[in-house]
């Protein structure tokens, strides 16, 4: 294999690696956005649950059924 062929092979590999890295980065950015959105939704649900906890008795506060 000549030096020119080796250089071309390395350049080709580098181009594919750059494309793969960019694709993986794009996927990672999209996943991070999803995670952030889910964290916001979870925080909102926890806040809502805490607000509603004062309005209703929880199952833990209820006496056990008579058959226990």
N, C-alpha and C. Protein backbone atom coordinates (compact mmCIF):
# COMPACT_ATOMS: atom_id res chain seq x y z
N UNK A 1 0.86 -1.17 0.00
CA UNK A 1 0.00 0.00 0.00
C UNK A 1 0.91 1.24 0.00
N UNK A 2 0.67 2.11 -0.94
CA UNK A 2 1.52 3.29 -1.07
C UNK A 2 1.13 4.35 -0.03
N UNK A 3 2.00 5.31 0.11
CA UNK A 3 1.76 6.37 1.07
C UNK A 3 0.50 7.17 0.71
N UNK A 4 0.29 7.43 -0.57
CA UNK A 4 -0.90 8.15 -1.00
C UNK A 4 -2.18 7.38 -0.66
N UNK A 5 -2.14 6.08 -0.88
CA UNK A 5 -3.31 5.27 -0.56
C UNK A 5 -3.59 5.26 0.94
N UNK A 6 -2.52 5.18 1.73
CA UNK A 6 -2.69 5.18 3.19
C UNK A 6 -3.26 6.52 3.67
N UNK A 7 -2.78 7.60 3.10
CA UNK A 7 -3.28 8.92 3.47
C UNK A 7 -4.75 9.06 3.10
N UNK A 8 -5.11 8.60 1.91
CA UNK A 8 -6.51 8.67 1.48
C UNK A 8 -7.39 7.83 2.38
N UNK A 9 -6.91 6.64 2.76
CA UNK A 9 -7.68 5.77 3.66
C UNK A 9 -7.88 6.45 5.01
N UNK A 10 -6.84 7.06 5.54
CA UNK A 10 -6.95 7.76 6.82
C UNK A 10 -7.88 8.96 6.73
N UNK A 11 -7.83 9.70 5.64
CA UNK A 11 -8.72 10.84 5.46
C UNK A 11 -10.17 10.38 5.36
N UNK A 12 -10.37 9.27 4.67
CA UNK A 12 -11.72 8.72 4.55
C UNK A 12 -12.25 8.29 5.93
N UNK A 13 -11.42 7.60 6.69
CA UNK A 13 -11.82 7.18 8.03
C UNK A 13 -12.12 8.39 8.92
N UNK A 14 -11.30 9.40 8.82
CA UNK A 14 -11.51 10.60 9.62
C UNK A 14 -12.84 11.27 9.27
N UNK A 15 -13.16 11.32 7.99
CA UNK A 15 -14.42 11.93 7.56
C UNK A 15 -15.60 11.15 8.13
N UNK A 16 -15.55 9.81 8.09
CA UNK A 16 -16.64 9.00 8.64
C UNK A 16 -16.72 9.16 10.16
N UNK A 17 -15.58 9.24 10.82
CA UNK A 17 -15.58 9.43 12.27
C UNK A 17 -16.16 10.79 12.64
N UNK A 18 -15.80 11.81 11.90
CA UNK A 18 -16.36 13.14 12.17
C UNK A 18 -17.88 13.13 12.01
N UNK A 19 -18.36 12.46 10.97
CA UNK A 19 -19.80 12.37 10.75
C UNK A 19 -20.48 11.60 11.89
N UNK A 20 -19.87 10.51 12.31
CA UNK A 20 -20.43 9.72 13.40
C UNK A 20 -20.45 10.50 14.70
N UNK A 21 -19.39 11.21 14.98
CA UNK A 21 -19.33 12.02 16.20
C UNK A 21 -20.41 13.10 16.17
N UNK A 22 -20.60 13.73 15.04
CA UNK A 22 -21.63 14.77 14.94
C UNK A 22 -23.02 14.18 15.12
N UNK A 23 -23.25 13.02 14.54
CA UNK A 23 -24.54 12.35 14.69
C UNK A 23 -24.80 11.99 16.15
N UNK A 24 -23.79 11.43 16.82
CA UNK A 24 -23.93 11.09 18.23
C UNK A 24 -24.16 12.33 19.08
N UNK A 25 -23.49 13.40 18.76
CA UNK A 25 -23.69 14.65 19.50
C UNK A 25 -25.12 15.16 19.33
N UNK A 26 -25.64 15.10 18.12
CA UNK A 26 -27.02 15.54 17.87
C UNK A 26 -28.01 14.71 18.69
N UNK A 27 -27.78 13.41 18.74
CA UNK A 27 -28.66 12.53 19.51
C UNK A 27 -28.54 12.86 21.00
N UNK A 28 -27.35 13.09 21.46
CA UNK A 28 -27.14 13.41 22.86
C UNK A 28 -27.83 14.72 23.24
N UNK A 29 -27.75 15.71 22.38
CA UNK A 29 -28.42 16.99 22.64
C UNK A 29 -29.94 16.79 22.71
N UNK A 30 -30.48 16.00 21.79
CA UNK A 30 -31.92 15.74 21.79
C UNK A 30 -32.33 15.01 23.06
N UNK A 31 -31.53 14.03 23.48
CA UNK A 31 -31.85 13.29 24.71
C UNK A 31 -31.77 14.20 25.93
N UNK A 32 -30.82 15.09 25.95
CA UNK A 32 -30.71 16.02 27.08
C UNK A 32 -31.94 16.92 27.17
N UNK A 33 -32.44 17.35 26.03
CA UNK A 33 -33.66 18.16 26.04
C UNK A 33 -34.84 17.37 26.60
N UNK A 34 -34.94 16.10 26.22
CA UNK A 34 -36.02 15.25 26.73
C UNK A 34 -35.88 15.08 28.24
N UNK A 35 -34.66 14.84 28.70
CA UNK A 35 -34.43 14.66 30.14
C UNK A 35 -34.81 15.92 30.90
N UNK A 36 -34.41 17.07 30.38
CA UNK A 36 -34.75 18.33 31.05
C UNK A 36 -36.26 18.54 31.10
N UNK A 37 -36.95 18.23 30.01
CA UNK A 37 -38.41 18.37 29.99
C UNK A 37 -39.05 17.42 30.99
N UNK A 38 -38.55 16.19 31.07
CA UNK A 38 -39.10 15.22 32.02
C UNK A 38 -38.83 15.65 33.45
N UNK A 39 -37.67 16.26 33.71
CA UNK A 39 -37.39 16.75 35.05
C UNK A 39 -38.36 17.86 35.44
N UNK A 40 -38.66 18.74 34.51
CA UNK A 40 -39.63 19.80 34.80
C UNK A 40 -41.02 19.23 35.06
N UNK A 41 -41.41 18.24 34.27
CA UNK A 41 -42.71 17.61 34.48
C UNK A 41 -42.77 16.90 35.83
N UNK A 42 -41.68 16.24 36.19
CA UNK A 42 -41.64 15.54 37.46
C UNK A 42 -41.72 16.53 38.62
N UNK A 43 -41.01 17.63 38.51
CA UNK A 43 -41.06 18.65 39.57
C UNK A 43 -42.48 19.20 39.70
N UNK A 44 -43.15 19.42 38.57
CA UNK A 44 -44.52 19.93 38.60
C UNK A 44 -45.45 18.91 39.24
N UNK A 45 -45.26 17.64 38.92
CA UNK A 45 -46.10 16.60 39.52
C UNK A 45 -45.86 16.48 41.02
N UNK A 46 -44.61 16.57 41.45
CA UNK A 46 -44.31 16.51 42.87
C UNK A 46 -44.92 17.69 43.61
N UNK A 47 -44.87 18.86 43.00
CA UNK A 47 -45.47 20.04 43.62
C UNK A 47 -46.98 19.87 43.72
N UNK A 48 -47.57 19.36 42.66
CA UNK A 48 -49.03 19.16 42.66
C UNK A 48 -49.43 18.12 43.71
N UNK A 49 -48.64 17.06 43.81
CA UNK A 49 -48.94 16.03 44.80
C UNK A 49 -48.83 16.59 46.21
N UNK A 50 -47.81 17.41 46.46
CA UNK A 50 -47.65 18.01 47.78
C UNK A 50 -48.82 18.94 48.11
N UNK A 51 -49.31 19.68 47.12
CA UNK A 51 -50.45 20.56 47.33
C UNK A 51 -51.71 19.77 47.63
N UNK A 52 -51.87 18.64 46.94
CA UNK A 52 -53.08 17.84 47.12
C UNK A 52 -53.00 16.98 48.39
N UNK A 53 -51.80 16.72 48.89
CA UNK A 53 -51.66 15.87 50.08
C UNK A 53 -52.36 16.50 51.27
N UNK A 54 -52.36 17.78 51.35
CA UNK A 54 -53.03 18.45 52.47
C UNK A 54 -54.54 18.41 52.36
N UNK A 55 -55.06 18.21 51.18
CA UNK A 55 -56.51 18.22 50.97
C UNK A 55 -57.14 16.86 51.23
N UNK A 56 -56.40 15.80 51.04
CA UNK A 56 -56.94 14.45 51.17
C UNK A 56 -56.10 13.65 52.15
N UNK A 57 -56.74 12.73 52.83
CA UNK A 57 -56.01 11.84 53.70
C UNK A 57 -55.26 10.84 52.84
N UNK A 58 -54.09 10.47 53.27
CA UNK A 58 -53.33 9.46 52.52
C UNK A 58 -53.71 8.09 53.03
N UNK A 59 -53.35 7.09 52.27
CA UNK A 59 -53.67 5.72 52.66
C UNK A 59 -52.94 5.34 53.95
N UNK A 60 -51.79 5.91 54.20
CA UNK A 60 -51.03 5.57 55.38
C UNK A 60 -51.74 6.03 56.65
N UNK A 61 -52.51 7.09 56.57
CA UNK A 61 -53.19 7.63 57.74
C UNK A 61 -54.48 6.86 58.05
N UNK A 62 -54.97 6.11 57.11
CA UNK A 62 -56.21 5.36 57.31
C UNK A 62 -55.94 4.16 58.22
N UNK A 63 -56.93 3.85 59.02
CA UNK A 63 -56.83 2.68 59.87
C UNK A 63 -56.90 1.42 59.00
N UNK A 64 -56.24 0.37 59.42
CA UNK A 64 -56.31 -0.87 58.62
C UNK A 64 -57.71 -1.45 58.65
N UNK A 65 -58.08 -2.19 57.65
CA UNK A 65 -59.41 -2.79 57.62
C UNK A 65 -59.60 -3.74 58.83
N UNK A 66 -60.84 -3.98 59.21
CA UNK A 66 -61.11 -4.78 60.42
C UNK A 66 -60.56 -6.20 60.34
N UNK A 67 -60.37 -6.76 59.18
CA UNK A 67 -59.92 -8.16 59.11
C UNK A 67 -58.44 -8.30 59.42
N UNK A 68 -57.71 -7.23 59.71
CA UNK A 68 -56.28 -7.34 60.06
C UNK A 68 -56.13 -7.59 61.53
